[in-house]
Amino acid sequence: MESLSLSALTDELLTTARQTNGRGARTIRGGHDHALRQVVSVLTAGHDMNEHDSPDEATLQVLRGRVRLVAGEESWEGAVGDFVVIPSSRHRVEALEDSSILLTVLAAGALDG
């Protein structure tokens, strides 16, 4: 059985992010033999993930802090424990305070028969 402390990983990533560019991430599960990829991503307050296209299916769960997900004219603010399905349109994530999120993404081609 595999296990990992998301709190400890968040602490580690935030420490590094504060000393570098305000961002950090680590894939905790995924790869060629998995249908899902899960990534813990951190942003220090005021930093963001630049606008980008959405993968096939993806979700975001807030592990620490507060974030805003912006897609066109729509936005969503989430705090610890909140969960949102990421829209299929271009979007960005902004850190309203030092934050950690868990991104779950369906791997490309995972549903192809």
C-alpha atoms as a PDB file:
ATOM      1  CA  MET A   1       0.000   0.000   0.000  1.00  0.00           C
ATOM      2  CA  GLU A   2       1.385   3.385  -1.031  1.00  0.00           C
ATOM      3  CA  SER A   3       0.843   6.406   1.172  1.00  0.00           C
ATOM      4  CA  LEU A   4       2.031   9.989   1.337  1.00  0.00           C
ATOM      5  CA  SER A   5       1.508  12.957   3.642  1.00  0.00           C
ATOM      6  CA  LEU A   6       0.054  15.742   1.502  1.00  0.00           C
ATOM      7  CA  SER A   7       0.639  18.183   4.374  1.00  0.00           C
ATOM      8  CA  ALA A   8       4.341  17.336   4.557  1.00  0.00           C
ATOM      9  CA  LEU A   9       4.691  17.526   0.773  1.00  0.00           C
ATOM     10  CA  THR A  10       2.920  20.904   0.776  1.00  0.00           C
ATOM     11  CA  ASP A  11       5.317  22.188   3.461  1.00  0.00           C
ATOM     12  CA  GLU A  12       8.319  21.028   1.430  1.00  0.00           C
ATOM     13  CA  LEU A  13       7.066  22.494  -1.857  1.00  0.00           C
ATOM     14  CA  LEU A  14       6.057  25.825  -0.282  1.00  0.00           C
ATOM     15  CA  THR A  15       9.475  26.197   1.364  1.00  0.00           C
ATOM     16  CA  THR A  16      11.141  25.789  -2.024  1.00  0.00           C
ATOM     17  CA  ALA A  17       8.581  28.019  -3.793  1.00  0.00           C
ATOM     18  CA  ARG A  18       9.180  30.847  -1.314  1.00  0.00           C
ATOM     19  CA  GLN A  19      12.909  30.694  -2.084  1.00  0.00           C
ATOM     20  CA  THR A  20      12.510  30.548  -5.862  1.00  0.00           C
ATOM     21  CA  ASN A  21       9.740  31.660  -8.225  1.00  0.00           C
ATOM     22  CA  GLY A  22       6.654  31.281  -6.008  1.00  0.00           C
ATOM     23  CA  ARG A  23       5.574  28.027  -7.624  1.00  0.00           C
ATOM     24  CA  GLY A  24       6.201  24.323  -7.276  1.00  0.00           C
ATOM     25  CA  ALA A  25       4.668  20.974  -8.152  1.00  0.00           C
ATOM     26  CA  ARG A  26       5.202  17.257  -7.838  1.00  0.00           C
ATOM     27  CA  THR A  27       3.400  14.405  -9.551  1.00  0.00           C
ATOM     28  CA  ILE A  28       2.391  11.970  -6.827  1.00  0.00           C
ATOM     29  CA  ARG A  29       0.697   9.383  -9.016  1.00  0.00           C
ATOM     30  CA  GLY A  30       0.599   8.861 -12.737  1.00  0.00           C
ATOM     31  CA  GLY A  31       2.619   7.818 -15.697  1.00  0.00           C
ATOM     32  CA  HIS A  32       2.281   5.535 -18.677  1.00  0.00           C
ATOM     33  CA  ASP A  33       0.558   2.718 -16.791  1.00  0.00           C
ATOM     34  CA  HIS A  34      -2.087   4.872 -15.046  1.00  0.00           C
ATOM     35  CA  ALA A  35      -5.294   6.441 -16.329  1.00  0.00           C
ATOM     36  CA  LEU A  36      -5.113   9.284 -13.788  1.00  0.00           C
ATOM     37  CA  ARG A  37      -2.317  11.700 -13.005  1.00  0.00           C
ATOM     38  CA  GLN A  38      -2.358  13.472  -9.648  1.00  0.00           C
ATOM     39  CA  VAL A  39      -0.198  16.504  -8.980  1.00  0.00           C
ATOM     40  CA  VAL A  40       0.270  18.572  -5.837  1.00  0.00           C
ATOM     41  CA  SER A  41       0.901  22.136  -6.946  1.00  0.00           C
ATOM     42  CA  VAL A  42       1.761  25.102  -4.714  1.00  0.00           C
ATOM     43  CA  LEU A  43       1.617  28.824  -5.340  1.00  0.00           C
ATOM     44  CA  THR A  44       2.675  31.548  -2.950  1.00  0.00           C
ATOM     45  CA  ALA A  45       0.305  34.493  -2.460  1.00  0.00           C
ATOM     46  CA  GLY A  46      -0.006  36.628  -5.578  1.00  0.00           C
ATOM     47  CA  HIS A  47       1.427  34.042  -7.968  1.00  0.00           C
ATOM     48  CA  ASP A  48      -0.552  32.128 -10.563  1.00  0.00           C
ATOM     49  CA  MET A  49      -0.548  29.347 -13.097  1.00  0.00           C
ATOM     50  CA  ASN A  50      -0.639  31.182 -16.400  1.00  0.00           C
ATOM     51  CA  GLU A  51      -3.686  30.728 -18.583  1.00  0.00           C
ATOM     52  CA  HIS A  52      -3.589  27.371 -20.328  1.00  0.00           C
ATOM     53  CA  ASP A  53      -5.819  24.881 -22.122  1.00  0.00           C
ATOM     54  CA  SER A  54      -7.642  22.250 -20.155  1.00  0.00           C
ATOM     55  CA  PRO A  55      -6.879  18.555 -20.473  1.00  0.00           C
ATOM     56  CA  ASP A  56      -9.701  16.125 -21.282  1.00  0.00           C
ATOM     57  CA  GLU A  57     -11.000  15.890 -17.724  1.00  0.00           C
ATOM     58  CA  ALA A  58      -9.560  17.461 -14.601  1.00  0.00           C
ATOM     59  CA  THR A  59     -10.482  18.400 -11.051  1.00  0.00           C
ATOM     60  CA  LEU A  60      -8.952  20.667  -8.432  1.00  0.00           C
ATOM     61  CA  GLN A  61      -9.114  20.251  -4.655  1.00  0.00           C
ATOM     62  CA  VAL A  62      -7.747  22.909  -2.303  1.00  0.00           C
ATOM     63  CA  LEU A  63      -5.406  21.392   0.294  1.00  0.00           C
ATOM     64  CA  ARG A  64      -4.219  24.644   1.897  1.00  0.00           C
ATOM     65  CA  GLY A  65      -4.900  28.351   1.479  1.00  0.00           C
ATOM     66  CA  ARG A  66      -7.313  30.029  -0.937  1.00  0.00           C
ATOM     67  CA  VAL A  67      -7.266  30.066  -4.731  1.00  0.00           C
ATOM     68  CA  ARG A  68      -9.269  31.512  -7.598  1.00  0.00           C
ATOM     69  CA  LEU A  69      -9.903  29.568 -10.811  1.00  0.00           C
ATOM     70  CA  VAL A  70     -10.664  31.912 -13.717  1.00  0.00           C
ATOM     71  CA  ALA A  71     -12.067  30.720 -17.052  1.00  0.00           C
ATOM     72  CA  GLY A  72     -13.110  33.538 -19.366  1.00  0.00           C
ATOM     73  CA  GLU A  73     -15.749  35.624 -17.597  1.00  0.00           C
ATOM     74  CA  GLU A  74     -16.369  32.976 -14.911  1.00  0.00           C
ATOM     75  CA  SER A  75     -14.432  32.563 -11.684  1.00  0.00           C
ATOM     76  CA  TRP A  76     -14.558  30.329  -8.613  1.00  0.00           C
ATOM     77  CA  GLU A  77     -12.891  30.850  -5.251  1.00  0.00           C
ATOM     78  CA  GLY A  78     -12.013  27.865  -3.132  1.00  0.00           C
ATOM     79  CA  ALA A  79     -10.580  27.294   0.336  1.00  0.00           C
ATOM     80  CA  VAL A  80      -9.351  24.228   2.205  1.00  0.00           C
ATOM     81  CA  GLY A  81     -11.480  21.196   1.375  1.00  0.00           C
ATOM     82  CA  ASP A  82     -13.227  22.770  -1.623  1.00  0.00           C
ATOM     83  CA  PHE A  83     -13.416  20.877  -4.915  1.00  0.00           C
ATOM     84  CA  VAL A  84     -14.214  21.975  -8.465  1.00  0.00           C
ATOM     85  CA  VAL A  85     -14.328  20.375 -11.895  1.00  0.00           C
ATOM     86  CA  ILE A  86     -11.966  22.348 -14.120  1.00  0.00           C
ATOM     87  CA  PRO A  87     -13.784  23.733 -17.175  1.00  0.00           C
ATOM     88  CA  SER A  88     -12.787  22.608 -20.644  1.00  0.00           C
ATOM     89  CA  SER A  89     -12.000  26.202 -21.676  1.00  0.00           C
ATOM     90  CA  ARG A  90      -8.725  28.072 -21.175  1.00  0.00           C
ATOM     91  CA  HIS A  91      -8.212  28.945 -17.528  1.00  0.00           C
ATOM     92  CA  ARG A  92      -5.722  30.075 -14.893  1.00  0.00           C
ATOM     93  CA  VAL A  93      -5.334  29.537 -11.149  1.00  0.00           C
ATOM     94  CA  GLU A  94      -4.427  32.427  -8.836  1.00  0.00           C
ATOM     95  CA  ALA A  95      -3.193  32.118  -5.239  1.00  0.00           C
ATOM     96  CA  LEU A  96      -5.043  34.497  -2.922  1.00  0.00           C
ATOM     97  CA  GLU A  97      -2.702  33.335  -0.138  1.00  0.00           C
ATOM     98  CA  ASP A  98       0.027  30.689   0.077  1.00  0.00           C
ATOM     99  CA  SER A  99      -1.817  27.672  -1.305  1.00  0.00           C
ATOM    100  CA  SER A 100      -1.599  24.013  -2.205  1.00  0.00           C
ATOM    101  CA  ILE A 101      -3.939  22.218  -4.609  1.00  0.00           C
ATOM    102  CA  LEU A 102      -4.379  18.646  -5.741  1.00  0.00           C
ATOM    103  CA  LEU A 103      -4.934  18.387  -9.474  1.00  0.00           C
ATOM    104  CA  THR A 104      -6.351  15.152 -10.856  1.00  0.00           C
ATOM    105  CA  VAL A 105      -6.149  14.785 -14.630  1.00  0.00           C
ATOM    106  CA  LEU A 106      -7.307  12.020 -16.931  1.00  0.00           C
ATOM    107  CA  ALA A 107      -4.281  10.880 -18.902  1.00  0.00           C
ATOM    108  CA  ALA A 108      -4.441  11.495 -22.651  1.00  0.00           C
ATOM    109  CA  GLY A 109      -6.025   8.537 -24.414  1.00  0.00           C
ATOM    110  CA  ALA A 110      -7.023   6.830 -21.150  1.00  0.00           C
ATOM    111  CA  LEU A 111     -10.598   6.288 -22.331  1.00  0.00           C
ATOM    112  CA  ASP A 112      -9.654   5.132 -25.833  1.00  0.00           C
ATOM    113  CA  GLY A 113     -10.668   1.553 -26.362  1.00  0.00           C
END
